[in-house]
N, C-alpha and C. Protein backbone atom coordinates (compact mmCIF):
# COMPACT_ATOMS: atom_id res chain seq x y z
N MET A 1 -20.80 -5.24 3.14
CA MET A 1 -20.61 -4.31 2.05
C MET A 1 -19.59 -3.26 2.47
N LEU A 2 -18.78 -2.84 1.51
CA LEU A 2 -17.79 -1.81 1.75
C LEU A 2 -18.46 -0.44 1.79
N LYS A 3 -17.96 0.41 2.65
CA LYS A 3 -18.42 1.79 2.72
C LYS A 3 -17.20 2.67 2.50
N VAL A 4 -17.27 3.54 1.49
CA VAL A 4 -16.16 4.40 1.11
C VAL A 4 -16.56 5.85 1.29
N TRP A 5 -15.74 6.61 2.03
CA TRP A 5 -15.94 8.04 2.14
C TRP A 5 -14.93 8.72 1.23
N GLY A 6 -15.41 9.58 0.34
CA GLY A 6 -14.54 10.34 -0.54
C GLY A 6 -15.28 10.76 -1.79
N ARG A 7 -14.84 11.88 -2.34
CA ARG A 7 -15.50 12.44 -3.53
C ARG A 7 -14.94 11.82 -4.81
N LYS A 8 -15.76 11.77 -5.85
CA LYS A 8 -15.36 11.19 -7.12
C LYS A 8 -14.16 11.89 -7.74
N SER A 9 -14.01 13.18 -7.48
CA SER A 9 -12.94 13.95 -8.13
C SER A 9 -11.57 13.74 -7.49
N SER A 10 -11.50 13.03 -6.37
CA SER A 10 -10.22 12.78 -5.71
C SER A 10 -9.48 11.66 -6.43
N SER A 11 -8.23 11.91 -6.83
CA SER A 11 -7.46 10.87 -7.52
C SER A 11 -7.24 9.66 -6.62
N ASN A 12 -7.11 9.86 -5.32
CA ASN A 12 -6.95 8.73 -4.41
C ASN A 12 -8.23 7.90 -4.32
N VAL A 13 -9.37 8.55 -4.32
CA VAL A 13 -10.65 7.83 -4.31
C VAL A 13 -10.83 7.10 -5.64
N GLN A 14 -10.42 7.72 -6.74
CA GLN A 14 -10.53 7.07 -8.04
C GLN A 14 -9.71 5.78 -8.09
N ALA A 15 -8.51 5.80 -7.53
CA ALA A 15 -7.69 4.58 -7.49
C ALA A 15 -8.38 3.49 -6.68
N LEU A 16 -8.96 3.87 -5.56
CA LEU A 16 -9.68 2.92 -4.72
C LEU A 16 -10.89 2.35 -5.45
N MET A 17 -11.65 3.22 -6.12
CA MET A 17 -12.84 2.75 -6.83
C MET A 17 -12.46 1.84 -8.00
N TRP A 18 -11.34 2.09 -8.62
CA TRP A 18 -10.86 1.22 -9.70
C TRP A 18 -10.60 -0.17 -9.15
N CYS A 19 -9.93 -0.25 -8.02
CA CYS A 19 -9.65 -1.54 -7.39
C CYS A 19 -10.95 -2.26 -7.02
N ILE A 20 -11.87 -1.53 -6.42
CA ILE A 20 -13.16 -2.12 -6.05
C ILE A 20 -13.88 -2.65 -7.28
N GLY A 21 -13.82 -1.90 -8.38
CA GLY A 21 -14.43 -2.34 -9.63
C GLY A 21 -13.78 -3.59 -10.18
N GLU A 22 -12.44 -3.63 -10.16
CA GLU A 22 -11.72 -4.80 -10.65
C GLU A 22 -12.05 -6.05 -9.83
N LEU A 23 -12.25 -5.86 -8.54
CA LEU A 23 -12.58 -7.00 -7.66
C LEU A 23 -14.08 -7.30 -7.64
N GLU A 24 -14.87 -6.46 -8.33
CA GLU A 24 -16.33 -6.62 -8.42
C GLU A 24 -16.98 -6.70 -7.05
N LEU A 25 -16.60 -5.75 -6.18
CA LEU A 25 -17.13 -5.73 -4.81
C LEU A 25 -18.30 -4.76 -4.70
N ALA A 26 -19.26 -5.12 -3.86
CA ALA A 26 -20.38 -4.23 -3.58
C ALA A 26 -19.89 -3.11 -2.65
N PHE A 27 -20.37 -1.90 -2.88
CA PHE A 27 -19.92 -0.78 -2.08
C PHE A 27 -20.99 0.31 -2.01
N GLU A 28 -20.82 1.16 -1.03
CA GLU A 28 -21.58 2.40 -0.91
C GLU A 28 -20.53 3.50 -0.81
N ARG A 29 -20.64 4.54 -1.64
CA ARG A 29 -19.71 5.65 -1.56
C ARG A 29 -20.42 6.89 -1.06
N ILE A 30 -19.80 7.58 -0.13
CA ILE A 30 -20.36 8.79 0.46
C ILE A 30 -19.45 9.96 0.11
N ASP A 31 -20.03 11.00 -0.49
CA ASP A 31 -19.23 12.18 -0.82
C ASP A 31 -18.69 12.81 0.45
N ALA A 32 -17.39 13.02 0.48
CA ALA A 32 -16.73 13.66 1.62
C ALA A 32 -15.48 14.35 1.11
N GLY A 33 -15.12 15.43 1.77
CA GLY A 33 -13.93 16.18 1.41
C GLY A 33 -14.24 17.31 0.45
N PHE A 34 -13.33 18.28 0.39
CA PHE A 34 -13.42 19.44 -0.48
C PHE A 34 -14.77 20.13 -0.29
N ILE A 35 -15.58 20.27 -1.34
CA ILE A 35 -16.85 21.02 -1.21
C ILE A 35 -17.90 20.26 -0.42
N TYR A 36 -17.70 18.97 -0.21
CA TYR A 36 -18.69 18.16 0.50
C TYR A 36 -18.50 18.19 2.02
N GLY A 37 -17.35 18.66 2.46
CA GLY A 37 -17.11 18.73 3.90
C GLY A 37 -17.02 17.36 4.53
N GLN A 38 -17.54 17.23 5.70
CA GLN A 38 -17.60 16.02 6.52
C GLN A 38 -16.28 15.62 7.16
N VAL A 39 -15.14 15.90 6.52
CA VAL A 39 -13.87 15.38 7.01
C VAL A 39 -13.39 16.08 8.29
N GLU A 40 -14.01 17.18 8.65
CA GLU A 40 -13.62 17.88 9.87
C GLU A 40 -14.63 17.67 11.01
N THR A 41 -15.63 16.83 10.78
CA THR A 41 -16.62 16.58 11.81
C THR A 41 -16.09 15.58 12.83
N PRO A 42 -16.55 15.67 14.06
CA PRO A 42 -16.11 14.69 15.08
C PRO A 42 -16.41 13.25 14.67
N GLU A 43 -17.52 13.02 13.99
CA GLU A 43 -17.89 11.67 13.57
C GLU A 43 -16.87 11.11 12.59
N TYR A 44 -16.49 11.93 11.60
CA TYR A 44 -15.51 11.47 10.61
C TYR A 44 -14.14 11.30 11.24
N LEU A 45 -13.74 12.26 12.05
CA LEU A 45 -12.43 12.18 12.69
C LEU A 45 -12.33 10.98 13.64
N SER A 46 -13.46 10.47 14.09
CA SER A 46 -13.42 9.28 14.95
C SER A 46 -13.07 8.02 14.15
N ILE A 47 -13.32 8.03 12.83
CA ILE A 47 -12.95 6.88 12.00
C ILE A 47 -11.66 7.13 11.23
N ASN A 48 -11.31 8.40 11.00
CA ASN A 48 -10.06 8.75 10.32
C ASN A 48 -9.51 10.02 10.96
N PRO A 49 -8.63 9.87 11.94
CA PRO A 49 -8.11 11.03 12.65
C PRO A 49 -7.28 11.97 11.77
N ASN A 50 -6.87 11.52 10.58
CA ASN A 50 -6.14 12.39 9.66
C ASN A 50 -7.07 13.36 8.94
N GLY A 51 -8.36 13.05 8.90
CA GLY A 51 -9.32 13.92 8.23
C GLY A 51 -9.12 14.00 6.73
N THR A 52 -8.68 12.90 6.13
CA THR A 52 -8.44 12.86 4.69
C THR A 52 -9.38 11.84 4.04
N VAL A 53 -9.39 11.84 2.71
CA VAL A 53 -10.13 10.83 1.96
C VAL A 53 -9.12 10.07 1.11
N PRO A 54 -9.39 8.81 0.81
CA PRO A 54 -10.55 8.03 1.19
C PRO A 54 -10.41 7.39 2.56
N THR A 55 -11.56 6.98 3.06
CA THR A 55 -11.63 6.12 4.23
C THR A 55 -12.51 4.93 3.85
N LEU A 56 -12.14 3.76 4.29
CA LEU A 56 -12.87 2.54 3.98
C LEU A 56 -13.33 1.87 5.26
N GLN A 57 -14.59 1.48 5.30
CA GLN A 57 -15.12 0.65 6.38
C GLN A 57 -15.61 -0.64 5.75
N ASP A 58 -15.08 -1.75 6.23
CA ASP A 58 -15.47 -3.07 5.73
C ASP A 58 -16.14 -3.82 6.86
N GLY A 59 -17.46 -3.76 6.89
CA GLY A 59 -18.22 -4.43 7.94
C GLY A 59 -17.84 -3.89 9.31
N ASN A 60 -17.57 -4.80 10.24
CA ASN A 60 -17.23 -4.41 11.60
C ASN A 60 -15.72 -4.26 11.82
N ASN A 61 -14.93 -4.39 10.75
CA ASN A 61 -13.48 -4.23 10.88
C ASN A 61 -13.14 -2.77 11.15
N GLN A 62 -11.94 -2.55 11.64
CA GLN A 62 -11.47 -1.19 11.89
C GLN A 62 -11.43 -0.41 10.57
N PRO A 63 -11.80 0.86 10.60
CA PRO A 63 -11.71 1.68 9.38
C PRO A 63 -10.26 1.79 8.92
N LEU A 64 -10.09 1.93 7.63
CA LEU A 64 -8.78 2.12 7.03
C LEU A 64 -8.74 3.44 6.29
N TRP A 65 -7.58 4.09 6.31
CA TRP A 65 -7.36 5.28 5.50
C TRP A 65 -5.98 5.14 4.89
N GLU A 66 -5.60 6.08 4.06
CA GLU A 66 -4.38 6.02 3.25
C GLU A 66 -4.60 5.02 2.11
N THR A 67 -4.63 5.54 0.91
CA THR A 67 -5.00 4.76 -0.27
C THR A 67 -4.19 3.49 -0.43
N ALA A 68 -2.88 3.57 -0.32
CA ALA A 68 -2.05 2.37 -0.52
C ALA A 68 -2.39 1.28 0.50
N ALA A 69 -2.62 1.66 1.73
CA ALA A 69 -2.98 0.67 2.76
C ALA A 69 -4.32 0.02 2.43
N ILE A 70 -5.26 0.82 1.96
CA ILE A 70 -6.58 0.27 1.61
C ILE A 70 -6.45 -0.69 0.42
N LEU A 71 -5.68 -0.30 -0.59
CA LEU A 71 -5.51 -1.16 -1.76
C LEU A 71 -4.86 -2.49 -1.39
N ARG A 72 -3.85 -2.44 -0.55
CA ARG A 72 -3.21 -3.69 -0.09
C ARG A 72 -4.20 -4.56 0.67
N TYR A 73 -5.00 -3.95 1.53
CA TYR A 73 -6.01 -4.70 2.29
C TYR A 73 -6.99 -5.39 1.34
N LEU A 74 -7.53 -4.63 0.38
CA LEU A 74 -8.52 -5.21 -0.54
C LEU A 74 -7.90 -6.34 -1.36
N ALA A 75 -6.69 -6.14 -1.85
CA ALA A 75 -6.02 -7.19 -2.64
C ALA A 75 -5.78 -8.43 -1.80
N ASP A 76 -5.33 -8.26 -0.57
CA ASP A 76 -5.06 -9.40 0.30
C ASP A 76 -6.33 -10.12 0.71
N PHE A 77 -7.37 -9.36 1.05
CA PHE A 77 -8.58 -9.95 1.60
C PHE A 77 -9.53 -10.48 0.53
N TYR A 78 -9.62 -9.77 -0.60
CA TYR A 78 -10.62 -10.12 -1.60
C TYR A 78 -10.03 -10.62 -2.93
N GLY A 79 -8.78 -10.33 -3.18
CA GLY A 79 -8.19 -10.68 -4.48
C GLY A 79 -7.74 -12.12 -4.55
N SER A 80 -7.69 -12.63 -5.76
CA SER A 80 -7.15 -13.97 -5.99
C SER A 80 -5.63 -13.88 -5.90
N GLU A 81 -4.98 -15.01 -5.93
CA GLU A 81 -3.52 -15.03 -5.89
C GLU A 81 -2.94 -14.29 -7.10
N GLU A 82 -3.59 -14.42 -8.26
CA GLU A 82 -3.13 -13.74 -9.47
C GLU A 82 -3.28 -12.24 -9.32
N PHE A 83 -4.31 -11.82 -8.64
CA PHE A 83 -4.53 -10.38 -8.46
C PHE A 83 -3.42 -9.79 -7.65
């Protein structure tokens, strides 16, 4: 299952969630950033040294950050050729 760190109000998180919805993938989203904090904690910085949202963890794979990189990963790994 995908694990997404980022708040609903972030436009970058919204783009990621749209892609996840289009691909009909199971996910867990954790509020992070802005009023939710977390992005400056040592635990979060260990998975995303930039301290930004969104961050994606897909199973035991390396965490990904930067929205465009995450979208390309999801399209390549989970999308059909048409997608």
